[in-house]
Amino acid sequence: MRTLGDYHDLYVTVDVLLLSDIFENFRTICQNYYKIDPCHTYTAPGLAWQACLKMTKVRLELLTDIDMHLFIEKGIRGGVAMISHRYAKANNAYLSTYDSTLSSSYIIYLDANNLYGWAMSQHLPTHDFSWTDEDVNFMDVPKDSDIGYIFEVRISR
């Protein structure tokens, strides 16, 4: 190697060859175990979803009622995002350094571990979707019930 360009070309070639070798091995494993070619999926979660459906033999019922689809879609919420700051200073009457000329402030840190993982390990609805007008006391529904409910709730004062 005589130039930086020669080194660059060698590095890129080796990098691509290693990546292609690893990906071909990954394809072989997926095709042997799941009978799914990762090249036919757009994302890793898409591949995982296809493998999950194939391995569990779950049949998903297609929602054909547009109102039911919109009802479920309206209830979907995104996750909570958090930005932690490295430094914070509280000012309230419970502290020895309290300054009454400044506004009161408190510091609270809440940490709930693996909520996403917990949610993803719960049973998901797959079929027999229907509307009902019956009064259901959701406190009496067992956690391991074969029947689940999605409630529309109006909260008023």
C-alpha atoms as a PDB file:
ATOM      1  CA  MET A   1       0.000   0.000   0.000  1.00  0.00           C
ATOM      2  CA  ARG A   2       1.437   3.276  -1.061  1.00  0.00           C
ATOM      3  CA  THR A   3      -1.277   5.831  -0.432  1.00  0.00           C
ATOM      4  CA  LEU A   4      -4.133   6.595   1.912  1.00  0.00           C
ATOM      5  CA  GLY A   5      -6.452   5.860  -1.027  1.00  0.00           C
ATOM      6  CA  ASP A   6      -5.036   2.318  -1.281  1.00  0.00           C
ATOM      7  CA  TYR A   7      -5.644   1.791   2.441  1.00  0.00           C
ATOM      8  CA  HIS A   8      -9.173   3.195   2.126  1.00  0.00           C
ATOM      9  CA  ASP A   9     -10.019   0.897  -0.790  1.00  0.00           C
ATOM     10  CA  LEU A  10      -8.710  -2.165   1.065  1.00  0.00           C
ATOM     11  CA  TYR A  11     -10.610  -1.216   4.232  1.00  0.00           C
ATOM     12  CA  VAL A  12     -13.900  -0.726   2.381  1.00  0.00           C
ATOM     13  CA  THR A  13     -13.459  -4.002   0.471  1.00  0.00           C
ATOM     14  CA  VAL A  14     -12.753  -6.012   3.637  1.00  0.00           C
ATOM     15  CA  ASP A  15     -15.622  -4.284   5.467  1.00  0.00           C
ATOM     16  CA  VAL A  16     -18.130  -5.119   2.717  1.00  0.00           C
ATOM     17  CA  LEU A  17     -16.893  -8.707   2.373  1.00  0.00           C
ATOM     18  CA  LEU A  18     -17.197  -9.322   6.124  1.00  0.00           C
ATOM     19  CA  LEU A  19     -20.669  -7.794   6.243  1.00  0.00           C
ATOM     20  CA  SER A  20     -21.847  -9.808   3.239  1.00  0.00           C
ATOM     21  CA  ASP A  21     -20.458 -13.027   4.752  1.00  0.00           C
ATOM     22  CA  ILE A  22     -22.222 -12.387   8.054  1.00  0.00           C
ATOM     23  CA  PHE A  23     -25.487 -11.466   6.339  1.00  0.00           C
ATOM     24  CA  GLU A  24     -25.392 -14.566   4.123  1.00  0.00           C
ATOM     25  CA  ASN A  25     -24.913 -16.691   7.247  1.00  0.00           C
ATOM     26  CA  PHE A  26     -27.861 -14.883   8.869  1.00  0.00           C
ATOM     27  CA  ARG A  27     -29.979 -15.555   5.753  1.00  0.00           C
ATOM     28  CA  THR A  28     -29.081 -19.247   5.868  1.00  0.00           C
ATOM     29  CA  ILE A  29     -30.032 -19.531   9.547  1.00  0.00           C
ATOM     30  CA  CYS A  30     -33.363 -17.724   8.997  1.00  0.00           C
ATOM     31  CA  GLN A  31     -34.206 -19.825   5.954  1.00  0.00           C
ATOM     32  CA  ASN A  32     -33.364 -23.088   7.724  1.00  0.00           C
ATOM     33  CA  TYR A  33     -35.134 -22.283  10.995  1.00  0.00           C
ATOM     34  CA  TYR A  34     -38.066 -20.046  10.000  1.00  0.00           C
ATOM     35  CA  LYS A  35     -38.290 -20.698   6.230  1.00  0.00           C
ATOM     36  CA  ILE A  36     -38.229 -16.898   5.811  1.00  0.00           C
ATOM     37  CA  ASP A  37     -35.724 -14.938   3.741  1.00  0.00           C
ATOM     38  CA  PRO A  38     -34.710 -11.729   5.559  1.00  0.00           C
ATOM     39  CA  CYS A  39     -34.166 -10.088   2.154  1.00  0.00           C
ATOM     40  CA  HIS A  40     -37.938 -10.186   1.674  1.00  0.00           C
ATOM     41  CA  THR A  41     -38.637  -8.051   4.756  1.00  0.00           C
ATOM     42  CA  TYR A  42     -38.135  -4.320   5.165  1.00  0.00           C
ATOM     43  CA  THR A  43     -37.107  -4.238   8.829  1.00  0.00           C
ATOM     44  CA  ALA A  44     -35.806  -6.499  11.597  1.00  0.00           C
ATOM     45  CA  PRO A  45     -39.084  -6.038  13.556  1.00  0.00           C
ATOM     46  CA  GLY A  46     -40.944  -7.105  10.396  1.00  0.00           C
ATOM     47  CA  LEU A  47     -38.846 -10.258  10.201  1.00  0.00           C
ATOM     48  CA  ALA A  48     -39.450 -10.941  13.908  1.00  0.00           C
ATOM     49  CA  TRP A  49     -43.217 -10.450  13.421  1.00  0.00           C
ATOM     50  CA  GLN A  50     -43.327 -12.877  10.482  1.00  0.00           C
ATOM     51  CA  ALA A  51     -41.282 -15.437  12.426  1.00  0.00           C
ATOM     52  CA  CYS A  52     -43.554 -15.031  15.458  1.00  0.00           C
ATOM     53  CA  LEU A  53     -46.712 -15.629  13.423  1.00  0.00           C
ATOM     54  CA  LYS A  54     -45.150 -18.608  11.676  1.00  0.00           C
ATOM     55  CA  MET A  55     -43.767 -20.282  14.816  1.00  0.00           C
ATOM     56  CA  THR A  56     -46.879 -19.757  16.969  1.00  0.00           C
ATOM     57  CA  LYS A  57     -49.288 -20.625  14.113  1.00  0.00           C
ATOM     58  CA  VAL A  58     -51.497 -17.726  15.200  1.00  0.00           C
ATOM     59  CA  ARG A  59     -54.150 -16.736  12.671  1.00  0.00           C
ATOM     60  CA  LEU A  60     -54.999 -13.049  12.788  1.00  0.00           C
ATOM     61  CA  GLU A  61     -58.546 -12.002  11.998  1.00  0.00           C
ATOM     62  CA  LEU A  62     -58.764  -9.079   9.603  1.00  0.00           C
ATOM     63  CA  LEU A  63     -60.829  -6.218  10.986  1.00  0.00           C
ATOM     64  CA  THR A  64     -63.366  -5.400   8.267  1.00  0.00           C
ATOM     65  CA  ASP A  65     -65.492  -3.027  10.370  1.00  0.00           C
ATOM     66  CA  ILE A  66     -64.029   0.433   9.766  1.00  0.00           C
ATOM     67  CA  ASP A  67     -65.563   1.784  12.989  1.00  0.00           C
ATOM     68  CA  MET A  68     -63.854  -0.965  14.991  1.00  0.00           C
ATOM     69  CA  HIS A  69     -60.546  -0.236  13.291  1.00  0.00           C
ATOM     70  CA  LEU A  70     -60.851   3.507  13.971  1.00  0.00           C
ATOM     71  CA  PHE A  71     -61.868   2.843  17.597  1.00  0.00           C
ATOM     72  CA  ILE A  72     -58.721   0.795  18.198  1.00  0.00           C
ATOM     73  CA  GLU A  73     -56.509   3.190  16.249  1.00  0.00           C
ATOM     74  CA  LYS A  74     -57.805   6.162  18.267  1.00  0.00           C
ATOM     75  CA  GLY A  75     -56.762   4.429  21.493  1.00  0.00           C
ATOM     76  CA  ILE A  76     -53.140   3.883  20.478  1.00  0.00           C
ATOM     77  CA  ARG A  77     -50.768   6.121  22.385  1.00  0.00           C
ATOM     78  CA  GLY A  78     -47.072   6.695  21.909  1.00  0.00           C
ATOM     79  CA  GLY A  79     -44.481   6.105  24.584  1.00  0.00           C
ATOM     80  CA  VAL A  80     -43.255   8.621  27.085  1.00  0.00           C
ATOM     81  CA  ALA A  81     -39.966  10.297  26.269  1.00  0.00           C
ATOM     82  CA  MET A  82     -37.700  11.689  28.937  1.00  0.00           C
ATOM     83  CA  ILE A  83     -34.661  13.898  28.956  1.00  0.00           C
ATOM     84  CA  SER A  84     -32.613  13.725  32.132  1.00  0.00           C
ATOM     85  CA  HIS A  85     -30.517  16.684  33.159  1.00  0.00           C
ATOM     86  CA  ARG A  86     -27.267  16.081  34.996  1.00  0.00           C
ATOM     87  CA  TYR A  87     -27.906  18.881  37.449  1.00  0.00           C
ATOM     88  CA  ALA A  88     -31.056  20.137  39.125  1.00  0.00           C
ATOM     89  CA  LYS A  89     -31.603  22.282  42.197  1.00  0.00           C
ATOM     90  CA  ALA A  90     -34.727  22.150  44.314  1.00  0.00           C
ATOM     91  CA  ASN A  91     -36.073  25.057  46.321  1.00  0.00           C
ATOM     92  CA  ASN A  92     -38.886  24.282  48.745  1.00  0.00           C
ATOM     93  CA  ALA A  93     -39.818  24.667  52.395  1.00  0.00           C
ATOM     94  CA  TYR A  94     -38.570  21.178  53.243  1.00  0.00           C
ATOM     95  CA  LEU A  95     -34.942  22.116  52.526  1.00  0.00           C
ATOM     96  CA  SER A  96     -32.514  23.897  54.818  1.00  0.00           C
ATOM     97  CA  THR A  97     -31.378  26.009  51.853  1.00  0.00           C
ATOM     98  CA  TYR A  98     -34.913  27.233  51.062  1.00  0.00           C
ATOM     99  CA  ASP A  99     -35.058  30.750  49.628  1.00  0.00           C
ATOM    100  CA  SER A 100     -38.562  32.209  49.974  1.00  0.00           C
ATOM    101  CA  THR A 101     -37.779  34.945  47.444  1.00  0.00           C
ATOM    102  CA  LEU A 102     -37.540  32.319  44.700  1.00  0.00           C
ATOM    103  CA  SER A 103     -40.358  30.151  43.410  1.00  0.00           C
ATOM    104  CA  SER A 104     -40.727  26.697  44.946  1.00  0.00           C
ATOM    105  CA  SER A 105     -39.419  23.754  42.981  1.00  0.00           C
ATOM    106  CA  TYR A 106     -39.188  20.036  43.608  1.00  0.00           C
ATOM    107  CA  ILE A 107     -37.192  17.201  42.092  1.00  0.00           C
ATOM    108  CA  ILE A 108     -38.756  13.826  41.471  1.00  0.00           C
ATOM    109  CA  TYR A 109     -37.350  10.909  39.560  1.00  0.00           C
ATOM    110  CA  LEU A 110     -39.564   7.980  38.688  1.00  0.00           C
ATOM    111  CA  ASP A 111     -38.242   4.875  37.029  1.00  0.00           C
ATOM    112  CA  ALA A 112     -40.433   2.053  35.783  1.00  0.00           C
ATOM    113  CA  ASN A 113     -38.303  -0.724  34.363  1.00  0.00           C
ATOM    114  CA  ASN A 114     -39.184  -2.678  31.240  1.00  0.00           C
ATOM    115  CA  LEU A 115     -42.763  -1.487  30.722  1.00  0.00           C
ATOM    116  CA  TYR A 116     -42.445  -2.158  26.991  1.00  0.00           C
ATOM    117  CA  GLY A 117     -41.090  -5.656  27.612  1.00  0.00           C
ATOM    118  CA  TRP A 118     -43.898  -6.378  30.059  1.00  0.00           C
ATOM    119  CA  ALA A 119     -46.537  -5.119  27.636  1.00  0.00           C
ATOM    120  CA  MET A 120     -45.110  -7.207  24.814  1.00  0.00           C
ATOM    121  CA  SER A 121     -45.290 -10.371  26.943  1.00  0.00           C
ATOM    122  CA  GLN A 122     -49.039  -9.992  27.517  1.00  0.00           C
ATOM    123  CA  HIS A 123     -51.650 -11.788  25.421  1.00  0.00           C
ATOM    124  CA  LEU A 124     -52.751  -9.839  22.369  1.00  0.00           C
ATOM    125  CA  PRO A 125     -56.193 -10.050  20.757  1.00  0.00           C
ATOM    126  CA  THR A 126     -56.215 -12.100  17.553  1.00  0.00           C
ATOM    127  CA  HIS A 127     -59.816 -12.965  16.623  1.00  0.00           C
ATOM    128  CA  ASP A 128     -63.548 -12.925  17.486  1.00  0.00           C
ATOM    129  CA  PHE A 129     -63.770  -9.141  17.704  1.00  0.00           C
ATOM    130  CA  SER A 130     -67.290  -7.885  18.395  1.00  0.00           C
ATOM    131  CA  TRP A 131     -69.164  -4.902  19.777  1.00  0.00           C
ATOM    132  CA  THR A 132     -71.157  -5.314  22.972  1.00  0.00           C
ATOM    133  CA  ASP A 133     -73.495  -3.120  24.984  1.00  0.00           C
ATOM    134  CA  GLU A 134     -73.487  -5.323  28.078  1.00  0.00           C
ATOM    135  CA  ASP A 135     -72.410  -3.845  31.386  1.00  0.00           C
ATOM    136  CA  VAL A 136     -69.059  -5.373  32.310  1.00  0.00           C
ATOM    137  CA  ASN A 137     -67.459  -4.983  35.715  1.00  0.00           C
ATOM    138  CA  PHE A 138     -63.844  -5.005  34.594  1.00  0.00           C
ATOM    139  CA  MET A 139     -62.701  -5.590  38.173  1.00  0.00           C
ATOM    140  CA  ASP A 140     -64.286  -9.070  37.950  1.00  0.00           C
ATOM    141  CA  VAL A 141     -62.531 -10.071  34.713  1.00  0.00           C
ATOM    142  CA  PRO A 142     -59.719 -12.547  35.533  1.00  0.00           C
ATOM    143  CA  LYS A 143     -56.247 -11.547  34.346  1.00  0.00           C
ATOM    144  CA  ASP A 144     -55.918 -14.861  32.476  1.00  0.00           C
ATOM    145  CA  SER A 145     -59.379 -14.701  30.860  1.00  0.00           C
ATOM    146  CA  ASP A 146     -59.751 -15.916  27.277  1.00  0.00           C
ATOM    147  CA  ILE A 147     -62.014 -12.917  26.657  1.00  0.00           C
ATOM    148  CA  GLY A 148     -60.607  -9.420  26.737  1.00  0.00           C
ATOM    149  CA  TYR A 149     -62.227  -6.021  26.506  1.00  0.00           C
ATOM    150  CA  ILE A 150     -61.392  -2.600  25.157  1.00  0.00           C
ATOM    151  CA  PHE A 151     -63.466   0.016  26.934  1.00  0.00           C
ATOM    152  CA  GLU A 152     -64.559   3.417  25.730  1.00  0.00           C
ATOM    153  CA  VAL A 153     -64.779   5.550  28.847  1.00  0.00           C
ATOM    154  CA  ARG A 154     -66.154   9.042  29.242  1.00  0.00           C
ATOM    155  CA  ILE A 155     -64.902  10.764  32.361  1.00  0.00           C
ATOM    156  CA  SER A 156     -66.892  13.696  33.675  1.00  0.00           C
ATOM    157  CA  ARG A 157     -67.119  15.640  36.899  1.00  0.00           C
END
